[in-house]
C-alpha cells in the first residue's frame, strides 16, 4: 500500500514539476530567441499548434481561429510537459536511478523521443535531417532546461507529499 502511495505522490510531484518546467522552458526559448538573431522562424506553424489543429478538426470537427489555435497550442505544450513530468515522477519512485543527473538525462530523452522521433513521425514537423544543427542544439538546450526544472520542482514537492 505504501509503495502505491509513493508512486502516486511521485506522479503528482512530477506533474507539478512538468507544468512548471513547461513554463520555464517557454520563457527560456523566448529569451534565447530574443538574443539570437540567427534563430529565425521558418514561418511554419509550431508542432504543438499543428497537434491542436489535428485534434480540433479530426475529433471535434471544428476549424480553429488563429487565436484559438495559439491557445490550444499552449494547452498541448503544457499537457505534454505535465504528462511527461508525471511519468518521470512515477519512475523516480519505482526506479530512483532514473533521477541520476538531476533531470538532464530525462530532458534529453524527452527531446530525442518527442522532438526527433514522434513529432516528425506524426507529420507535425519536417524530418530532423532538414533542420540545421543549430536548431537541434536550441531544442536540446530547451529540453535540458525542462528536465532540470522538472526534477528540481519534483524533488521540492515530493518533500511535502
C-alpha atoms as a PDB file:
ATOM      1  CA  UNK A   1       0.000   0.000   0.000  1.00  0.00           C
ATOM      2  CA  UNK A   2       2.821   2.408   0.879  1.00  0.00           C
ATOM      3  CA  UNK A   3       4.520   1.778  -2.483  1.00  0.00           C
ATOM      4  CA  UNK A   4       1.311   2.726  -4.354  1.00  0.00           C
ATOM      5  CA  UNK A   5       1.068   5.890  -2.290  1.00  0.00           C
ATOM      6  CA  UNK A   6       4.713   6.716  -3.010  1.00  0.00           C
ATOM      7  CA  UNK A   7       4.241   6.195  -6.763  1.00  0.00           C
ATOM      8  CA  UNK A   8       1.116   8.372  -6.726  1.00  0.00           C
ATOM      9  CA  UNK A   9       2.922  11.070  -4.725  1.00  0.00           C
ATOM     10  CA  UNK A  10       5.829  10.853  -7.162  1.00  0.00           C
ATOM     11  CA  UNK A  11       3.465  11.192 -10.120  1.00  0.00           C
ATOM     12  CA  UNK A  12       1.773  14.238  -8.580  1.00  0.00           C
ATOM     13  CA  UNK A  13       5.148  15.807  -7.798  1.00  0.00           C
ATOM     14  CA  UNK A  14       6.298  15.063 -11.349  1.00  0.00           C
ATOM     15  CA  UNK A  15       3.128  16.585 -12.789  1.00  0.00           C
ATOM     16  CA  UNK A  16       3.760  19.776 -10.817  1.00  0.00           C
ATOM     17  CA  UNK A  17       7.380  19.744 -11.941  1.00  0.00           C
ATOM     18  CA  UNK A  18       6.453  19.182 -15.570  1.00  0.00           C
ATOM     19  CA  UNK A  19       3.939  22.025 -15.595  1.00  0.00           C
ATOM     20  CA  UNK A  20       6.359  24.484 -14.004  1.00  0.00           C
ATOM     21  CA  UNK A  21       9.103  23.259 -16.331  1.00  0.00           C
ATOM     22  CA  UNK A  22       6.907  23.754 -19.421  1.00  0.00           C
ATOM     23  CA  UNK A  23       6.531  27.399 -18.380  1.00  0.00           C
ATOM     24  CA  UNK A  24      10.253  27.819 -17.660  1.00  0.00           C
ATOM     25  CA  UNK A  25      11.115  26.157 -20.973  1.00  0.00           C
ATOM     26  CA  UNK A  26       8.851  28.592 -22.861  1.00  0.00           C
ATOM     27  CA  UNK A  27      10.426  31.547 -21.077  1.00  0.00           C
ATOM     28  CA  UNK A  28      13.904  30.193 -21.844  1.00  0.00           C
ATOM     29  CA  UNK A  29      13.011  29.848 -25.526  1.00  0.00           C
ATOM     30  CA  UNK A  30      11.627  33.372 -25.632  1.00  0.00           C
ATOM     31  CA  UNK A  31      14.783  34.761 -24.023  1.00  0.00           C
ATOM     32  CA  UNK A  32      17.132  32.814 -26.280  1.00  0.00           C
ATOM     33  CA  UNK A  33      15.166  33.776 -29.393  1.00  0.00           C
ATOM     34  CA  UNK A  34      15.280  37.441 -28.402  1.00  0.00           C
ATOM     35  CA  UNK A  35      19.089  37.338 -28.177  1.00  0.00           C
ATOM     36  CA  UNK A  36      19.770  35.008 -31.063  1.00  0.00           C
ATOM     37  CA  UNK A  37      19.075  36.659 -34.391  1.00  0.00           C
ATOM     38  CA  UNK A  38      20.242  33.565 -36.273  1.00  0.00           C
ATOM     39  CA  UNK A  39      17.391  31.531 -34.737  1.00  0.00           C
ATOM     40  CA  UNK A  40      14.938  32.527 -37.428  1.00  0.00           C
ATOM     41  CA  UNK A  41      11.392  31.331 -37.764  1.00  0.00           C
ATOM     42  CA  UNK A  42      10.611  29.459 -40.938  1.00  0.00           C
ATOM     43  CA  UNK A  43       7.037  30.675 -40.793  1.00  0.00           C
ATOM     44  CA  UNK A  44       5.847  27.127 -40.162  1.00  0.00           C
ATOM     45  CA  UNK A  45       3.180  26.557 -37.549  1.00  0.00           C
ATOM     46  CA  UNK A  46       4.720  25.154 -34.329  1.00  0.00           C
ATOM     47  CA  UNK A  47       4.214  21.413 -33.763  1.00  0.00           C
ATOM     48  CA  UNK A  48       2.079  21.969 -30.656  1.00  0.00           C
ATOM     49  CA  UNK A  49      -0.310  24.143 -32.680  1.00  0.00           C
ATOM     50  CA  UNK A  50      -0.371  21.597 -35.504  1.00  0.00           C
ATOM     51  CA  UNK A  51      -1.294  18.921 -32.954  1.00  0.00           C
ATOM     52  CA  UNK A  52      -4.076  21.141 -31.606  1.00  0.00           C
ATOM     53  CA  UNK A  53      -5.417  21.721 -35.121  1.00  0.00           C
ATOM     54  CA  UNK A  54      -5.384  17.982 -35.861  1.00  0.00           C
ATOM     55  CA  UNK A  55      -7.289  17.217 -32.663  1.00  0.00           C
ATOM     56  CA  UNK A  56      -9.770  20.037 -33.194  1.00  0.00           C
ATOM     57  CA  UNK A  57     -10.514  19.174 -36.810  1.00  0.00           C
ATOM     58  CA  UNK A  58     -10.418  15.375 -36.613  1.00  0.00           C
ATOM     59  CA  UNK A  59     -12.001  14.812 -33.206  1.00  0.00           C
ATOM     60  CA  UNK A  60     -14.293  17.808 -32.760  1.00  0.00           C
ATOM     61  CA  UNK A  61     -14.802  18.747 -36.435  1.00  0.00           C
ATOM     62  CA  UNK A  62     -14.003  22.360 -35.556  1.00  0.00           C
ATOM     63  CA  UNK A  63     -11.757  24.668 -37.569  1.00  0.00           C
ATOM     64  CA  UNK A  64      -9.978  26.965 -35.121  1.00  0.00           C
ATOM     65  CA  UNK A  65      -9.281  30.644 -35.475  1.00  0.00           C
ATOM     66  CA  UNK A  66      -5.678  31.785 -35.156  1.00  0.00           C
ATOM     67  CA  UNK A  67      -6.290  32.873 -31.545  1.00  0.00           C
ATOM     68  CA  UNK A  68      -7.887  29.524 -30.681  1.00  0.00           C
ATOM     69  CA  UNK A  69      -5.020  27.708 -32.374  1.00  0.00           C
ATOM     70  CA  UNK A  70      -2.419  29.616 -30.353  1.00  0.00           C
ATOM     71  CA  UNK A  71      -4.250  28.989 -27.068  1.00  0.00           C
ATOM     72  CA  UNK A  72      -4.815  25.325 -27.881  1.00  0.00           C
ATOM     73  CA  UNK A  73      -1.149  25.013 -28.863  1.00  0.00           C
ATOM     74  CA  UNK A  74      -0.189  26.278 -25.407  1.00  0.00           C
ATOM     75  CA  UNK A  75      -2.564  23.727 -23.862  1.00  0.00           C
ATOM     76  CA  UNK A  76      -0.865  20.961 -25.869  1.00  0.00           C
ATOM     77  CA  UNK A  77       2.546  22.218 -24.709  1.00  0.00           C
ATOM     78  CA  UNK A  78       1.506  22.159 -21.045  1.00  0.00           C
ATOM     79  CA  UNK A  79      -0.251  18.805 -21.399  1.00  0.00           C
ATOM     80  CA  UNK A  80       2.901  17.279 -22.884  1.00  0.00           C
ATOM     81  CA  UNK A  81       5.048  18.856 -20.189  1.00  0.00           C
ATOM     82  CA  UNK A  82       2.733  17.756 -17.395  1.00  0.00           C
ATOM     83  CA  UNK A  83       2.264  14.188 -18.605  1.00  0.00           C
ATOM     84  CA  UNK A  84       5.987  13.733 -19.254  1.00  0.00           C
ATOM     85  CA  UNK A  85       6.735  15.081 -15.777  1.00  0.00           C
ATOM     86  CA  UNK A  86       4.121  12.772 -14.254  1.00  0.00           C
ATOM     87  CA  UNK A  87       5.748   9.750 -15.903  1.00  0.00           C
ATOM     88  CA  UNK A  88       9.144  10.918 -14.664  1.00  0.00           C
ATOM     89  CA  UNK A  89       7.798  11.414 -11.150  1.00  0.00           C
ATOM     90  CA  UNK A  90       6.295   7.916 -11.045  1.00  0.00           C
ATOM     91  CA  UNK A  91       9.507   6.447 -12.473  1.00  0.00           C
ATOM     92  CA  UNK A  92      11.519   8.245  -9.802  1.00  0.00           C
ATOM     93  CA  UNK A  93       9.670   6.240  -7.164  1.00  0.00           C
ATOM     94  CA  UNK A  94       9.839   2.910  -8.995  1.00  0.00           C
ATOM     95  CA  UNK A  95      13.447   3.255 -10.146  1.00  0.00           C
ATOM     96  CA  UNK A  96      15.280   6.011  -8.242  1.00  0.00           C
ATOM     97  CA  UNK A  97      18.240   5.638 -10.610  1.00  0.00           C
ATOM     98  CA  UNK A  98      16.077   7.466 -13.180  1.00  0.00           C
ATOM     99  CA  UNK A  99      16.780  10.704 -11.283  1.00  0.00           C
ATOM    100  CA  UNK A 100      20.557  10.495 -11.629  1.00  0.00           C
ATOM    101  CA  UNK A 101      21.741  13.635 -13.380  1.00  0.00           C
ATOM    102  CA  UNK A 102      19.111  15.950 -11.846  1.00  0.00           C
ATOM    103  CA  UNK A 103      16.678  15.584 -14.736  1.00  0.00           C
ATOM    104  CA  UNK A 104      19.178  16.276 -17.524  1.00  0.00           C
ATOM    105  CA  UNK A 105      19.012  12.711 -18.930  1.00  0.00           C
ATOM    106  CA  UNK A 106      15.212  12.928 -18.662  1.00  0.00           C
ATOM    107  CA  UNK A 107      15.154  16.203 -20.615  1.00  0.00           C
ATOM    108  CA  UNK A 108      17.456  14.674 -23.227  1.00  0.00           C
ATOM    109  CA  UNK A 109      15.158  11.659 -23.555  1.00  0.00           C
ATOM    110  CA  UNK A 110      12.075  13.862 -23.975  1.00  0.00           C
ATOM    111  CA  UNK A 111      13.894  15.860 -26.660  1.00  0.00           C
ATOM    112  CA  UNK A 112      15.018  12.747 -28.508  1.00  0.00           C
ATOM    113  CA  UNK A 113      11.746  10.825 -28.274  1.00  0.00           C
ATOM    114  CA  UNK A 114       9.321  13.711 -28.742  1.00  0.00           C
ATOM    115  CA  UNK A 115      11.148  16.204 -30.963  1.00  0.00           C
ATOM    116  CA  UNK A 116      13.279  13.889 -33.049  1.00  0.00           C
ATOM    117  CA  UNK A 117      11.054  10.815 -33.330  1.00  0.00           C
ATOM    118  CA  UNK A 118       7.362  11.344 -32.540  1.00  0.00           C
ATOM    119  CA  UNK A 119       6.782  14.866 -33.867  1.00  0.00           C
ATOM    120  CA  UNK A 120       8.254  14.129 -37.324  1.00  0.00           C
ATOM    121  CA  UNK A 121       6.650  10.659 -37.409  1.00  0.00           C
ATOM    122  CA  UNK A 122       3.231  12.227 -36.781  1.00  0.00           C
ATOM    123  CA  UNK A 123       3.818  14.726 -39.594  1.00  0.00           C
ATOM    124  CA  UNK A 124       3.906  17.673 -37.186  1.00  0.00           C
ATOM    125  CA  UNK A 125       7.324  18.807 -38.429  1.00  0.00           C
ATOM    126  CA  UNK A 126       9.769  18.241 -41.234  1.00  0.00           C
ATOM    127  CA  UNK A 127      12.167  15.297 -40.858  1.00  0.00           C
ATOM    128  CA  UNK A 128      15.009  16.001 -38.418  1.00  0.00           C
ATOM    129  CA  UNK A 129      17.534  15.845 -41.248  1.00  0.00           C
ATOM    130  CA  UNK A 130      16.012  19.017 -42.723  1.00  0.00           C
ATOM    131  CA  UNK A 131      16.889  21.181 -39.710  1.00  0.00           C
ATOM    132  CA  UNK A 132      20.324  22.759 -39.169  1.00  0.00           C
ATOM    133  CA  UNK A 133      22.461  21.642 -36.240  1.00  0.00           C
ATOM    134  CA  UNK A 134      21.787  24.976 -34.511  1.00  0.00           C
ATOM    135  CA  UNK A 135      18.062  24.162 -34.368  1.00  0.00           C
ATOM    136  CA  UNK A 136      18.791  20.780 -32.764  1.00  0.00           C
ATOM    137  CA  UNK A 137      21.127  22.422 -30.228  1.00  0.00           C
ATOM    138  CA  UNK A 138      18.470  25.037 -29.382  1.00  0.00           C
ATOM    139  CA  UNK A 139      15.827  22.323 -28.915  1.00  0.00           C
ATOM    140  CA  UNK A 140      18.155  20.164 -26.820  1.00  0.00           C
ATOM    141  CA  UNK A 141      19.089  23.136 -24.639  1.00  0.00           C
ATOM    142  CA  UNK A 142      15.407  23.931 -24.127  1.00  0.00           C
ATOM    143  CA  UNK A 143      14.715  20.343 -23.081  1.00  0.00           C
ATOM    144  CA  UNK A 144      17.682  20.316 -20.710  1.00  0.00           C
ATOM    145  CA  UNK A 145      16.120  23.350 -19.003  1.00  0.00           C
ATOM    146  CA  UNK A 146      12.811  21.461 -18.949  1.00  0.00           C
ATOM    147  CA  UNK A 147      14.372  18.314 -17.449  1.00  0.00           C
ATOM    148  CA  UNK A 148      16.353  20.136 -14.766  1.00  0.00           C
ATOM    149  CA  UNK A 149      13.374  22.264 -13.757  1.00  0.00           C
ATOM    150  CA  UNK A 150      11.079  19.228 -13.663  1.00  0.00           C
ATOM    151  CA  UNK A 151      13.481  17.431 -11.355  1.00  0.00           C
ATOM    152  CA  UNK A 152      14.049  20.389  -9.016  1.00  0.00           C
ATOM    153  CA  UNK A 153      10.323  21.054  -8.618  1.00  0.00           C
ATOM    154  CA  UNK A 154       9.549  17.328  -8.326  1.00  0.00           C
ATOM    155  CA  UNK A 155      12.073  16.978  -5.500  1.00  0.00           C
ATOM    156  CA  UNK A 156      10.674  20.019  -3.675  1.00  0.00           C
ATOM    157  CA  UNK A 157       7.066  18.903  -3.994  1.00  0.00           C
ATOM    158  CA  UNK A 158       7.961  15.343  -3.046  1.00  0.00           C
ATOM    159  CA  UNK A 159       9.389  16.653   0.243  1.00  0.00           C
ATOM    160  CA  UNK A 160       5.897  17.899   1.118  1.00  0.00           C
ATOM    161  CA  UNK A 161       3.951  14.859  -0.087  1.00  0.00           C
END
